[in-house]
Amino acid sequence: MTSEDGGGRGGERPERLCVIVVPDGEEQALVEALRELGAGATRLVSKGGLRGRKSATVLSAVPAGWVGRVASMLHERFPASTEHVPAQALPWWSEGEGPDDEVEIRLGGAVMFVVPIAGFELL
């Protein structure tokens, strides 16, 4: 984004901050996909994730009307999968659950949080 274009194609000002979490190693593909849409992106180093899997966080400030496009791109390019794991392997396992109980968990894909931007300045 540049100060000349106001932050998006056609001079649209960014009104939403998309905070997108993807599996570690997928962040470059996400940044490139956002650039194809005409949005900028900033990668952040992050740790954590279910079952010790690493993740990456990417920030992208977009016009409000672009959020649906970003969400559609995430569904298409970063599909989630599921896996069955023993309940006792999860951090929230409780003693009330049997040791043979399995839980289906979501893996991969992307998670997006959309935050309104109250103000925006390029410094």
C-alpha atoms as a PDB file:
ATOM      1  CA  MET A   1       0.000   0.000   0.000  1.00  0.00           C
ATOM      2  CA  THR A   2       1.206   3.451  -0.717  1.00  0.00           C
ATOM      3  CA  SER A   3       0.110   6.861   0.462  1.00  0.00           C
ATOM      4  CA  GLU A   4      -0.790   7.730  -3.153  1.00  0.00           C
ATOM      5  CA  ASP A   5      -3.366   4.959  -3.610  1.00  0.00           C
ATOM      6  CA  GLY A   6      -5.043   5.261  -0.218  1.00  0.00           C
ATOM      7  CA  GLY A   7      -4.337   1.654   0.671  1.00  0.00           C
ATOM      8  CA  GLY A   8      -6.174  -0.380  -1.956  1.00  0.00           C
ATOM      9  CA  ARG A   9      -7.149  -0.629  -5.584  1.00  0.00           C
ATOM     10  CA  GLY A  10      -9.047   2.384  -6.798  1.00  0.00           C
ATOM     11  CA  GLY A  11      -7.922   4.503  -3.838  1.00  0.00           C
ATOM     12  CA  GLU A  12     -10.101   2.681  -1.299  1.00  0.00           C
ATOM     13  CA  ARG A  13      -9.023   3.286   2.287  1.00  0.00           C
ATOM     14  CA  PRO A  14      -8.422   0.285   4.528  1.00  0.00           C
ATOM     15  CA  GLU A  15     -11.329  -0.122   6.961  1.00  0.00           C
ATOM     16  CA  ARG A  16     -10.757  -3.672   8.218  1.00  0.00           C
ATOM     17  CA  LEU A  17      -7.690  -5.432   9.562  1.00  0.00           C
ATOM     18  CA  CYS A  18      -7.696  -9.103   8.626  1.00  0.00           C
ATOM     19  CA  VAL A  19      -5.644 -11.122  11.113  1.00  0.00           C
ATOM     20  CA  ILE A  20      -5.071 -14.468   9.407  1.00  0.00           C
ATOM     21  CA  VAL A  21      -3.481 -17.518  11.031  1.00  0.00           C
ATOM     22  CA  VAL A  22      -2.206 -20.317   8.778  1.00  0.00           C
ATOM     23  CA  PRO A  23      -0.021 -23.380   9.385  1.00  0.00           C
ATOM     24  CA  ASP A  24       3.718 -22.703   9.532  1.00  0.00           C
ATOM     25  CA  GLY A  25       5.184 -22.743   6.038  1.00  0.00           C
ATOM     26  CA  GLU A  26       1.976 -21.499   4.368  1.00  0.00           C
ATOM     27  CA  GLU A  27       2.508 -17.802   5.069  1.00  0.00           C
ATOM     28  CA  GLN A  28       4.426 -17.003   1.870  1.00  0.00           C
ATOM     29  CA  ALA A  29       1.641 -18.510  -0.249  1.00  0.00           C
ATOM     30  CA  LEU A  30      -0.863 -16.427   1.737  1.00  0.00           C
ATOM     31  CA  VAL A  31       1.116 -13.206   1.240  1.00  0.00           C
ATOM     32  CA  GLU A  32       1.317 -13.898  -2.514  1.00  0.00           C
ATOM     33  CA  ALA A  33      -2.429 -14.653  -2.709  1.00  0.00           C
ATOM     34  CA  LEU A  34      -3.244 -11.402  -0.879  1.00  0.00           C
ATOM     35  CA  ARG A  35      -0.997  -9.486  -3.289  1.00  0.00           C
ATOM     36  CA  GLU A  36      -2.848 -11.067  -6.226  1.00  0.00           C
ATOM     37  CA  LEU A  37      -6.032  -9.572  -4.755  1.00  0.00           C
ATOM     38  CA  GLY A  38      -4.279  -6.208  -4.533  1.00  0.00           C
ATOM     39  CA  ALA A  39      -3.868  -6.206  -0.745  1.00  0.00           C
ATOM     40  CA  GLY A  40      -0.682  -5.701   1.188  1.00  0.00           C
ATOM     41  CA  ALA A  41       0.406  -8.045   3.948  1.00  0.00           C
ATOM     42  CA  THR A  42       2.675  -8.155   6.984  1.00  0.00           C
ATOM     43  CA  ARG A  43       3.918 -11.437   8.467  1.00  0.00           C
ATOM     44  CA  LEU A  44       4.322 -11.878  12.199  1.00  0.00           C
ATOM     45  CA  VAL A  45       6.265 -14.586  13.975  1.00  0.00           C
ATOM     46  CA  SER A  46       3.952 -16.618  16.194  1.00  0.00           C
ATOM     47  CA  LYS A  47       4.078 -19.744  18.319  1.00  0.00           C
ATOM     48  CA  GLY A  48       1.491 -22.054  19.705  1.00  0.00           C
ATOM     49  CA  GLY A  49      -1.253 -23.978  18.071  1.00  0.00           C
ATOM     50  CA  LEU A  50      -3.086 -27.168  18.742  1.00  0.00           C
ATOM     51  CA  ARG A  51      -0.916 -30.158  19.568  1.00  0.00           C
ATOM     52  CA  GLY A  52       2.275 -28.103  19.342  1.00  0.00           C
ATOM     53  CA  ARG A  53       1.983 -27.362  15.644  1.00  0.00           C
ATOM     54  CA  LYS A  54       3.495 -24.047  14.641  1.00  0.00           C
ATOM     55  CA  SER A  55       1.498 -21.353  12.920  1.00  0.00           C
ATOM     56  CA  ALA A  56       2.107 -18.056  11.145  1.00  0.00           C
ATOM     57  CA  THR A  57       0.094 -14.853  11.453  1.00  0.00           C
ATOM     58  CA  VAL A  58      -0.403 -12.448   8.558  1.00  0.00           C
ATOM     59  CA  LEU A  59      -1.997  -8.996   8.847  1.00  0.00           C
ATOM     60  CA  SER A  60      -3.706  -7.309   5.921  1.00  0.00           C
ATOM     61  CA  ALA A  61      -5.564  -3.975   5.990  1.00  0.00           C
ATOM     62  CA  VAL A  62      -8.320  -3.961   3.367  1.00  0.00           C
ATOM     63  CA  PRO A  63     -11.424  -1.965   2.434  1.00  0.00           C
ATOM     64  CA  ALA A  64     -14.580  -3.311   4.100  1.00  0.00           C
ATOM     65  CA  GLY A  65     -15.909  -4.589   0.760  1.00  0.00           C
ATOM     66  CA  TRP A  66     -12.872  -6.835   0.294  1.00  0.00           C
ATOM     67  CA  VAL A  67     -13.387  -9.046   3.366  1.00  0.00           C
ATOM     68  CA  GLY A  68     -15.591 -11.477   1.431  1.00  0.00           C
ATOM     69  CA  ARG A  69     -12.965 -11.770  -1.322  1.00  0.00           C
ATOM     70  CA  VAL A  70     -10.261 -12.512   1.223  1.00  0.00           C
ATOM     71  CA  ALA A  71     -12.466 -15.125   2.943  1.00  0.00           C
ATOM     72  CA  SER A  72     -13.277 -16.801  -0.400  1.00  0.00           C
ATOM     73  CA  MET A  73      -9.585 -16.952  -1.303  1.00  0.00           C
ATOM     74  CA  LEU A  74      -8.775 -18.532   2.088  1.00  0.00           C
ATOM     75  CA  HIS A  75     -11.442 -21.222   1.637  1.00  0.00           C
ATOM     76  CA  GLU A  76     -10.144 -22.010  -1.846  1.00  0.00           C
ATOM     77  CA  ARG A  77      -6.397 -21.979  -1.230  1.00  0.00           C
ATOM     78  CA  PHE A  78      -6.117 -23.123   2.400  1.00  0.00           C
ATOM     79  CA  PRO A  79      -8.583 -25.968   2.930  1.00  0.00           C
ATOM     80  CA  ALA A  80      -8.868 -27.508   6.376  1.00  0.00           C
ATOM     81  CA  SER A  81      -8.790 -31.197   7.172  1.00  0.00           C
ATOM     82  CA  THR A  82      -9.862 -33.187  10.210  1.00  0.00           C
ATOM     83  CA  GLU A  83      -8.128 -35.796  12.301  1.00  0.00           C
ATOM     84  CA  HIS A  84      -9.311 -38.100  15.069  1.00  0.00           C
ATOM     85  CA  VAL A  85      -7.130 -38.000  18.173  1.00  0.00           C
ATOM     86  CA  PRO A  86      -7.430 -39.571  21.610  1.00  0.00           C
ATOM     87  CA  ALA A  87      -9.270 -37.193  23.933  1.00  0.00           C
ATOM     88  CA  GLN A  88      -6.543 -37.520  26.560  1.00  0.00           C
ATOM     89  CA  ALA A  89      -3.985 -36.093  24.086  1.00  0.00           C
ATOM     90  CA  LEU A  90      -5.750 -32.725  24.108  1.00  0.00           C
ATOM     91  CA  PRO A  91      -4.927 -29.994  26.617  1.00  0.00           C
ATOM     92  CA  TRP A  92      -8.578 -29.666  27.685  1.00  0.00           C
ATOM     93  CA  TRP A  93      -9.062 -33.386  28.353  1.00  0.00           C
ATOM     94  CA  SER A  94     -10.959 -34.023  31.559  1.00  0.00           C
ATOM     95  CA  GLU A  95     -10.859 -37.058  33.789  1.00  0.00           C
ATOM     96  CA  GLY A  96     -14.550 -37.665  33.033  1.00  0.00           C
ATOM     97  CA  GLU A  97     -13.791 -38.699  29.474  1.00  0.00           C
ATOM     98  CA  GLY A  98     -12.749 -42.272  28.880  1.00  0.00           C
ATOM     99  CA  PRO A  99      -9.191 -43.019  27.765  1.00  0.00           C
ATOM    100  CA  ASP A 100     -10.526 -44.617  24.566  1.00  0.00           C
ATOM    101  CA  ASP A 101     -12.680 -41.627  23.552  1.00  0.00           C
ATOM    102  CA  GLU A 102     -11.634 -39.959  20.305  1.00  0.00           C
ATOM    103  CA  VAL A 103     -12.276 -36.388  19.301  1.00  0.00           C
ATOM    104  CA  GLU A 104     -12.373 -34.994  15.767  1.00  0.00           C
ATOM    105  CA  ILE A 105     -10.233 -31.871  15.477  1.00  0.00           C
ATOM    106  CA  ARG A 106      -9.754 -29.403  12.646  1.00  0.00           C
ATOM    107  CA  LEU A 107      -6.244 -29.077  11.222  1.00  0.00           C
ATOM    108  CA  GLY A 108      -4.710 -26.792   8.675  1.00  0.00           C
ATOM    109  CA  GLY A 109      -6.786 -24.285   6.823  1.00  0.00           C
ATOM    110  CA  ALA A 110      -6.839 -20.683   7.917  1.00  0.00           C
ATOM    111  CA  VAL A 111      -8.473 -18.724  10.697  1.00  0.00           C
ATOM    112  CA  MET A 112      -9.347 -15.083  10.032  1.00  0.00           C
ATOM    113  CA  PHE A 113     -10.302 -12.423  12.551  1.00  0.00           C
ATOM    114  CA  VAL A 114     -11.659  -9.159  11.113  1.00  0.00           C
ATOM    115  CA  VAL A 115     -11.127  -6.014  13.167  1.00  0.00           C
ATOM    116  CA  PRO A 116     -12.548  -2.571  12.312  1.00  0.00           C
ATOM    117  CA  ILE A 117      -9.876   0.089  11.784  1.00  0.00           C
ATOM    118  CA  ALA A 118     -10.731   3.285  13.657  1.00  0.00           C
ATOM    119  CA  GLY A 119      -7.894   5.256  12.067  1.00  0.00           C
ATOM    120  CA  PHE A 120      -5.147   4.721   9.528  1.00  0.00           C
ATOM    121  CA  GLU A 121      -1.947   6.686   8.901  1.00  0.00           C
ATOM    122  CA  LEU A 122       1.107   5.974   6.847  1.00  0.00           C
ATOM    123  CA  LEU A 123       4.066   7.372   8.768  1.00  0.00           C
END
